[in-house]
């Protein structure tokens, strides 16, 4: 199948002013400028000069784990009975029948990272999923991270329960304790495999869940708004050799040069919101611009349902209005988001060999009146606005 007569934003270079994409077996097989006189069949899709982008990616949401309009019954985001829950798996809680999956898809958002919230210092596993499908197992791209939370959220939740942690010190200590235990567990496992006379450690599901993180197979996603919490995330990551991502980084603009020197990655958002709690009091729409200008690779997120997921392009537009270059905003919703999430081998750009996830916009997606006219996921047209 060909998508032709398109202005193609590949995210790997300058746009192809008039080109085609050939799709085979759910993958992109070819991307090329379109020769004059090239013929196409009735099964091919005429883009009629519209703008073809990679499917957009929201790198931090709670899509499907907090269901729309369901209240407590549909809220499986925070297991507030234990502050250390690395063994929780988002795949067991995300409901793809939630209407917001279709709202994401019809807005051109074809992949999201979703998972537990920030009540717990160690919250659980994050997953990257496609937004088209009925069974989460079939929509799963891969497990991508372990969620940690610093600052106000764990303090507030557990202060109300009159139990640890009620300070930033205790929050960090619980994270360190869990990581130290997992490191020792791994050491003991290795020793038992190398020496048959050494008994393996008693099975510990929490430690098992942290092993992929310690081995560098997934990233640590730290919820951190305040600058001091951002630096605690970096400090802990360095102590344990973690590959980390800063989630929210609301006060990142106050220390953008330092974060650039650290070669940090940040998922910025929510942007279209008020200063709803103390740790967000220095929220600035210029945060993305300041971080990007200082060399921090950024993605833009909605933190759905804080901001409905379909407003990801609008969030990027607000960042552009505050000074973020337009091409950086496009990348913050596509290739940068994919790289930060650890899924850029599959999605984020229109390149040969990647998943055929694409969205056709009638105009610049940063314009409020733009519409997704066609959305393709894994080579299938899943949404068509006629």
Protein backbone atom coordinates (compact mmCIF):
# COMPACT_ATOMS: atom_id res chain seq x y z
CA UNK A 1 0.00 0.00 0.00
CA UNK A 2 1.16 3.52 -0.86
CA UNK A 3 0.38 6.78 0.88
CA UNK A 4 1.08 9.32 -1.85
CA UNK A 5 0.83 13.01 -2.75
CA UNK A 6 1.89 13.89 0.82
CA UNK A 7 4.12 16.50 2.38
CA UNK A 8 6.08 14.16 4.63
CA UNK A 9 7.55 15.22 7.96
CA UNK A 10 9.90 12.29 8.52
CA UNK A 11 11.51 13.77 11.69
CA UNK A 12 14.89 12.70 10.31
CA UNK A 13 15.52 15.72 8.09
CA UNK A 14 13.78 18.38 6.07
CA UNK A 15 10.19 17.65 5.00
CA UNK A 16 9.68 15.92 1.66
CA UNK A 17 7.52 18.40 -0.21
CA UNK A 18 5.77 15.77 -2.33
CA UNK A 19 6.42 12.17 -1.54
CA UNK A 20 5.11 8.70 -0.86
CA UNK A 21 5.40 6.05 1.82
CA UNK A 22 5.13 2.38 0.93
CA UNK A 23 3.72 0.12 3.65
CA UNK A 24 4.21 -3.64 3.77
CA UNK A 25 3.18 -6.05 6.54
CA UNK A 26 2.62 -3.33 9.17
CA UNK A 27 6.04 -1.73 8.51
CA UNK A 28 7.32 1.21 6.52
CA UNK A 29 9.07 -0.29 3.49
CA UNK A 30 10.02 2.87 1.59
CA UNK A 31 9.94 6.66 1.96
CA UNK A 32 10.75 8.75 -1.08
CA UNK A 33 10.11 11.91 -3.07
CA UNK A 34 7.43 11.17 -5.65
CA UNK A 35 8.55 11.07 -9.27
CA UNK A 36 6.34 12.86 -11.79
CA UNK A 37 3.93 10.53 -13.50
CA UNK A 38 4.18 7.76 -10.90
CA UNK A 39 1.01 5.67 -11.00
CA UNK A 40 -0.93 4.29 -8.03
CA UNK A 41 -3.79 1.83 -7.60
CA UNK A 42 -7.25 2.16 -6.10
CA UNK A 43 -6.01 0.43 -2.94
CA UNK A 44 -3.49 3.21 -2.32
CA UNK A 45 -4.26 6.35 -0.30
CA UNK A 46 -4.14 9.80 -1.90
CA UNK A 47 -3.03 12.31 0.75
CA UNK A 48 -3.97 15.23 -1.55
CA UNK A 49 -1.08 17.41 -0.48
CA UNK A 50 -1.83 17.21 3.25
CA UNK A 51 0.82 16.86 5.98
CA UNK A 52 1.96 13.35 6.90
CA UNK A 53 3.59 12.96 10.32
CA UNK A 54 4.74 9.99 12.35
CA UNK A 55 2.06 8.99 14.82
CA UNK A 56 2.28 11.34 17.79
CA UNK A 57 3.54 10.03 21.14
CA UNK A 58 2.58 11.12 24.64
CA UNK A 59 5.50 10.05 26.82
CA UNK A 60 3.73 10.35 30.18
CA UNK A 61 0.07 9.57 30.80
CA UNK A 62 -2.20 7.50 32.99
CA UNK A 63 -4.36 6.58 29.99
CA UNK A 64 -6.65 3.66 30.72
CA UNK A 65 -5.41 3.25 34.28
CA UNK A 66 -7.61 6.19 35.33
CA UNK A 67 -10.74 5.60 33.29
CA UNK A 68 -12.84 8.46 32.03
CA UNK A 69 -15.85 9.37 34.19
CA UNK A 70 -15.66 6.23 36.32
CA UNK A 71 -14.59 7.55 39.72
CA UNK A 72 -13.12 5.06 42.19
CA UNK A 73 -14.18 1.97 40.24
CA UNK A 74 -12.13 3.02 37.21
CA UNK A 75 -9.17 4.45 39.13
CA UNK A 76 -6.37 1.89 39.43
CA UNK A 77 -3.55 4.43 39.40
CA UNK A 78 -2.24 4.49 42.97
CA UNK A 79 -1.90 1.54 45.36
CA UNK A 80 -1.81 3.70 48.48
CA UNK A 81 -1.49 0.80 50.93
CA UNK A 82 2.29 0.38 50.62
CA UNK A 83 4.83 3.08 49.69
CA UNK A 84 7.13 0.63 47.85
CA UNK A 85 5.38 -1.29 45.06
CA UNK A 86 7.83 -1.99 42.19
CA UNK A 87 6.10 -5.31 41.49
CA UNK A 88 2.91 -3.63 40.23
CA UNK A 89 2.45 -4.03 36.47
CA UNK A 90 0.50 -1.46 34.51
CA UNK A 91 -0.50 -4.10 31.99
CA UNK A 92 -2.79 -5.57 34.67
CA UNK A 93 -4.69 -2.30 35.15
CA UNK A 94 -4.96 -0.48 31.80
CA UNK A 95 -8.40 -0.75 30.20
CA UNK A 96 -8.17 -0.19 26.42
CA UNK A 97 -11.97 0.04 26.23
CA UNK A 98 -11.75 3.46 27.90
CA UNK A 99 -13.17 6.06 25.48
CA UNK A 100 -10.02 8.16 25.82
CA UNK A 101 -8.05 5.66 23.75
CA UNK A 102 -10.22 6.56 20.76
CA UNK A 103 -9.92 10.26 21.56
CA UNK A 104 -6.15 9.87 21.51
CA UNK A 105 -6.21 7.89 18.27
CA UNK A 106 -8.52 10.30 16.47
CA UNK A 107 -6.20 13.18 17.43
CA UNK A 108 -3.24 11.41 15.81
CA UNK A 109 -1.67 10.06 19.01
CA UNK A 110 -0.75 6.48 18.19
CA UNK A 111 1.49 5.58 21.16
CA UNK A 112 1.55 6.51 24.83
CA UNK A 113 3.49 5.65 27.94
CA UNK A 114 1.08 4.85 30.74
CA UNK A 115 1.23 3.43 34.23
CA UNK A 116 0.89 4.08 37.94
CA UNK A 117 0.76 7.51 39.55
CA UNK A 118 2.97 9.29 42.03
CA UNK A 119 1.50 8.42 45.44
CA UNK A 120 4.27 5.95 46.17
CA UNK A 121 8.03 6.59 46.24
CA UNK A 122 8.36 3.38 44.21
CA UNK A 123 5.18 3.10 42.20
CA UNK A 124 5.53 0.29 39.67
CA UNK A 125 6.12 -0.56 36.06
CA UNK A 126 5.45 1.75 33.10
CA UNK A 127 4.49 0.47 29.66
CA UNK A 128 4.40 1.91 26.14
CA UNK A 129 1.29 0.93 24.20
CA UNK A 130 -0.44 1.67 20.93
CA UNK A 131 -3.78 3.47 21.13
CA UNK A 132 -5.52 1.16 18.65
CA UNK A 133 -6.74 -2.21 19.81
CA UNK A 134 -8.99 -4.10 22.20
CA UNK A 135 -6.59 -6.26 24.22
CA UNK A 136 -3.72 -4.57 26.02
CA UNK A 137 -1.41 -7.54 25.41
CA UNK A 138 -1.73 -6.95 21.66
CA UNK A 139 -1.22 -3.18 21.99
CA UNK A 140 1.92 -3.43 24.11
CA UNK A 141 5.11 -2.07 22.56
CA UNK A 142 7.22 -2.99 25.58
CA UNK A 143 7.78 -2.40 29.26
CA UNK A 144 9.80 0.81 29.40
CA UNK A 145 10.40 1.97 32.95
CA UNK A 146 10.03 1.94 36.70
CA UNK A 147 8.06 4.84 38.17
CA UNK A 148 9.44 6.69 41.21
CA UNK A 149 7.97 9.75 42.90
CA UNK A 150 9.62 12.52 44.88
CA UNK A 151 8.31 15.57 46.68
CA UNK A 152 4.79 16.58 47.54
CA UNK A 153 2.72 13.61 46.42
CA UNK A 154 4.18 10.84 48.62
CA UNK A 155 4.46 13.28 51.56
CA UNK A 156 0.79 14.22 51.29
CA UNK A 157 -0.54 10.69 50.83
CA UNK A 158 1.36 9.11 53.71
CA UNK A 159 1.11 12.06 56.08
CA UNK A 160 -2.66 11.58 55.93
CA UNK A 161 -2.07 7.92 56.88
CA UNK A 162 0.35 8.94 59.65
CA UNK A 163 3.02 6.60 58.34
CA UNK A 164 6.33 6.77 56.46
CA UNK A 165 7.18 8.77 54.40
CA UNK A 166 6.19 12.22 55.58
CA UNK A 167 9.43 13.96 54.57
CA UNK A 168 11.55 14.19 51.43
CA UNK A 169 14.33 12.45 53.37
CA UNK A 170 12.15 9.42 54.08
CA UNK A 171 10.92 9.28 50.49
CA UNK A 172 14.48 9.15 49.17
CA UNK A 173 15.47 6.67 51.89
CA UNK A 174 12.70 4.25 50.90
CA UNK A 175 13.81 4.40 47.27
CA UNK A 176 17.43 3.76 48.24
CA UNK A 177 16.44 0.90 50.54
CA UNK A 178 14.51 -0.81 47.76
CA UNK A 179 17.40 -0.40 45.32
CA UNK A 180 20.01 -1.62 47.84
CA UNK A 181 17.89 -4.71 48.58
CA UNK A 182 17.53 -5.43 44.86
CA UNK A 183 21.30 -5.05 44.31
CA UNK A 184 22.06 -7.51 47.12
CA UNK A 185 19.38 -9.87 45.83
CA UNK A 186 20.98 -9.86 42.39
CA UNK A 187 24.43 -10.40 43.89
CA UNK A 188 23.15 -13.38 45.88
CA UNK A 189 21.41 -14.81 42.81
CA UNK A 190 24.61 -14.56 40.81
CA UNK A 191 26.63 -16.18 43.56
CA UNK A 192 24.20 -19.11 43.80
CA UNK A 193 24.44 -19.69 40.05
CA UNK A 194 28.24 -19.65 40.11
CA UNK A 195 28.58 -21.89 43.16
CA UNK A 196 26.18 -24.80 43.64
CA UNK A 197 26.95 -24.91 47.36
CA UNK A 198 25.47 -21.41 47.86
CA UNK A 199 21.70 -21.34 48.29
CA UNK A 200 19.81 -18.79 46.20
CA UNK A 201 18.01 -16.02 48.09
CA UNK A 202 14.38 -16.47 49.01
CA UNK A 203 12.21 -15.29 46.11
CA UNK A 204 11.35 -11.58 46.44
CA UNK A 205 8.92 -10.24 43.87
CA UNK A 206 9.76 -6.60 44.64
CA UNK A 207 13.48 -7.19 44.09
CA UNK A 208 12.76 -9.20 40.94
CA UNK A 209 10.79 -6.25 39.56
CA UNK A 210 13.75 -3.89 40.07
CA UNK A 211 16.35 -6.11 38.37
CA UNK A 212 15.60 -4.90 34.80
CA UNK A 213 16.17 -1.35 36.04
CA UNK A 214 19.48 -2.18 37.72
CA UNK A 215 20.59 -4.02 34.58
CA UNK A 216 19.85 -0.99 32.40
CA UNK A 217 17.07 -2.73 30.48
CA UNK A 218 14.49 -0.07 31.42
CA UNK A 219 14.69 3.51 32.68
CA UNK A 220 13.87 5.14 35.99
CA UNK A 221 11.08 7.68 35.51
CA UNK A 222 11.19 10.14 38.42
CA UNK A 223 8.16 12.30 39.18
CA UNK A 224 9.84 15.56 40.22
CA UNK A 225 8.51 19.11 40.00
CA UNK A 226 10.75 21.17 42.30
CA UNK A 227 14.40 21.80 41.44
CA UNK A 228 15.61 20.14 44.65
CA UNK A 229 13.56 17.03 43.83
CA UNK A 230 15.01 17.02 40.32
CA UNK A 231 18.50 16.95 41.79
CA UNK A 232 17.54 14.18 44.22
CA UNK A 233 16.44 12.11 41.21
CA UNK A 234 19.80 12.70 39.56
CA UNK A 235 21.70 11.98 42.80
CA UNK A 236 19.96 8.62 43.34
CA UNK A 237 20.38 7.70 39.69
CA UNK A 238 24.11 8.31 39.87
CA UNK A 239 24.42 6.32 43.10
CA UNK A 240 22.87 3.23 41.50
CA UNK A 241 23.90 3.74 37.87
CA UNK A 242 20.31 4.20 36.69
CA UNK A 243 19.33 5.41 33.24
CA UNK A 244 16.86 8.10 34.28
CA UNK A 245 14.13 10.38 32.93
CA UNK A 246 12.84 13.49 34.71
CA UNK A 247 9.04 13.56 34.57
CA UNK A 248 7.38 17.00 34.76
CA UNK A 249 10.59 18.91 35.70
CA UNK A 250 8.41 21.96 36.38
CA UNK A 251 11.24 23.99 37.90
CA UNK A 252 13.73 22.78 35.32
CA UNK A 253 13.92 26.26 33.84
CA UNK A 254 15.44 27.49 37.12
CA UNK A 255 18.43 25.18 36.62
CA UNK A 256 18.38 24.56 32.87
CA UNK A 257 22.13 25.05 32.39
CA UNK A 258 22.94 22.46 35.06
CA UNK A 259 20.50 19.97 33.58
CA UNK A 260 22.04 20.56 30.16
CA UNK A 261 25.49 19.81 31.60
CA UNK A 262 24.06 16.63 33.13
CA UNK A 263 22.71 15.62 29.69
CA UNK A 264 19.37 15.05 31.37
CA UNK A 265 16.18 14.01 29.59
CA UNK A 266 12.88 15.56 30.61
CA UNK A 267 9.21 14.91 29.91
CA UNK A 268 7.64 18.35 30.27
CA UNK A 269 4.02 18.81 31.25
CA UNK A 270 1.26 19.29 31.96
CA UNK A 271 1.54 22.72 30.37
CA UNK A 272 -2.07 23.84 29.93
CA UNK A 273 -2.99 23.90 33.62
CA UNK A 274 -3.03 26.06 36.71
CA UNK A 275 -0.56 25.98 39.59
CA UNK A 276 -2.71 23.41 41.31
CA UNK A 277 -0.37 22.54 44.17
CA UNK A 278 2.64 24.03 45.98
CA UNK A 279 5.34 22.15 44.04
CA UNK A 280 3.95 23.65 40.80
CA UNK A 281 4.03 27.27 41.95
CA UNK A 282 6.86 28.10 39.50
CA UNK A 283 5.11 26.57 36.50
CA UNK A 284 6.12 28.39 33.32
CA UNK A 285 5.06 27.83 29.73
CA UNK A 286 8.66 28.73 28.80
CA UNK A 287 10.01 25.68 30.64
CA UNK A 288 10.28 23.53 27.51
CA UNK A 289 12.06 26.32 25.63
CA UNK A 290 14.57 26.95 28.42
CA UNK A 291 15.39 23.28 28.81
CA UNK A 292 15.70 22.71 25.06
CA UNK A 293 17.86 25.80 24.59
CA UNK A 294 20.28 24.45 27.19
CA UNK A 295 20.63 21.04 25.56
CA UNK A 296 18.10 19.00 27.52
CA UNK A 297 16.28 16.53 25.28
CA UNK A 298 12.57 17.04 25.94
CA UNK A 299 9.27 15.37 25.26
CA UNK A 300 5.94 17.09 25.88
CA UNK A 301 3.21 15.26 27.77
CA UNK A 302 -0.36 15.83 28.91
CA UNK A 303 -0.18 13.73 32.10
CA UNK A 304 -3.66 12.51 31.04
CA UNK A 305 -6.20 12.82 32.59
CA UNK A 306 -4.74 16.01 34.12
CA UNK A 307 -4.95 17.39 30.57
CA UNK A 308 -7.00 15.23 28.17
CA UNK A 309 -4.62 13.29 25.96
CA UNK A 310 -6.05 14.69 22.70
CA UNK A 311 -4.68 18.12 23.64
CA UNK A 312 -1.05 17.03 23.26
CA UNK A 313 -0.59 19.16 20.10
CA UNK A 314 -2.20 22.14 21.85
CA UNK A 315 0.25 21.71 24.73
CA UNK A 316 3.11 21.79 22.24
CA UNK A 317 1.63 24.89 20.62
CA UNK A 318 1.64 26.71 23.97
CA UNK A 319 5.31 25.81 24.38
CA UNK A 320 6.01 27.20 20.90
CA UNK A 321 4.16 30.39 21.77
CA UNK A 322 6.52 30.69 24.75
CA UNK A 323 9.61 30.34 22.55
CA UNK A 324 10.20 26.64 21.76
CA UNK A 325 11.15 26.31 18.06
CA UNK A 326 8.41 24.70 16.01
CA UNK A 327 10.58 21.87 14.72
CA UNK A 328 11.61 21.04 18.30
CA UNK A 329 7.94 20.93 19.28
CA UNK A 330 7.24 18.43 16.48
CA UNK A 331 10.14 16.27 17.68
CA UNK A 332 8.98 16.56 21.29
CA UNK A 333 5.78 14.75 20.24
CA UNK A 334 7.49 12.22 17.94
CA UNK A 335 11.14 11.21 17.74
CA UNK A 336 12.32 12.78 21.01
CA UNK A 337 9.36 11.29 22.86
CA UNK A 338 10.18 7.89 21.34
CA UNK A 339 13.87 8.17 22.25
CA UNK A 340 13.12 9.22 25.84
CA UNK A 341 10.58 6.40 26.21
CA UNK A 342 13.02 3.87 24.76
CA UNK A 343 10.83 2.90 21.80
CA UNK A 344 12.53 4.78 18.94
CA UNK A 345 13.43 1.52 17.21
CA UNK A 346 9.70 1.08 16.58
CA UNK A 347 8.08 4.51 16.35
CA UNK A 348 8.69 8.27 16.31
CA UNK A 349 9.79 8.85 12.72
CA UNK A 350 8.83 7.88 9.18
CA UNK A 351 11.72 5.59 8.30
CA UNK A 352 12.17 2.27 6.56
CA UNK A 353 11.73 -0.62 8.98
CA UNK A 354 9.69 1.21 11.60
CA UNK A 355 6.06 0.52 12.47
CA UNK A 356 3.69 2.05 9.95
CA UNK A 357 2.17 4.48 12.47
CA UNK A 358 1.29 7.76 10.73
CA UNK A 359 -1.16 10.63 10.92
CA UNK A 360 -2.32 12.90 8.11
CA UNK A 361 -3.14 16.46 9.21
CA UNK A 362 -5.06 18.95 7.10
CA UNK A 363 -2.81 21.78 8.37
CA UNK A 364 -0.05 22.42 10.87
CA UNK A 365 -0.97 20.25 13.91
CA UNK A 366 -0.01 23.13 16.23
CA UNK A 367 -2.91 25.17 14.87
CA UNK A 368 -5.98 24.82 17.04
CA UNK A 369 -8.29 24.23 14.05
CA UNK A 370 -6.14 21.45 12.55
CA UNK A 371 -7.66 17.99 12.25
CA UNK A 372 -6.28 14.50 11.88
CA UNK A 373 -7.83 13.31 8.62
CA UNK A 374 -6.36 9.80 8.63
CA UNK A 375 -4.57 7.78 11.30
CA UNK A 376 -2.70 4.56 10.57
CA UNK A 377 -1.41 2.14 13.20
CA UNK A 378 0.68 -0.90 12.27
CA UNK A 379 -0.18 -0.39 8.62
CA UNK A 380 -3.95 -0.32 9.13
CA UNK A 381 -6.10 2.78 8.74
CA UNK A 382 -7.77 3.00 12.15
CA UNK A 383 -9.38 6.43 11.81
CA UNK A 384 -10.61 8.31 8.76
CA UNK A 385 -12.25 11.72 8.92
CA UNK A 386 -14.17 12.21 5.70
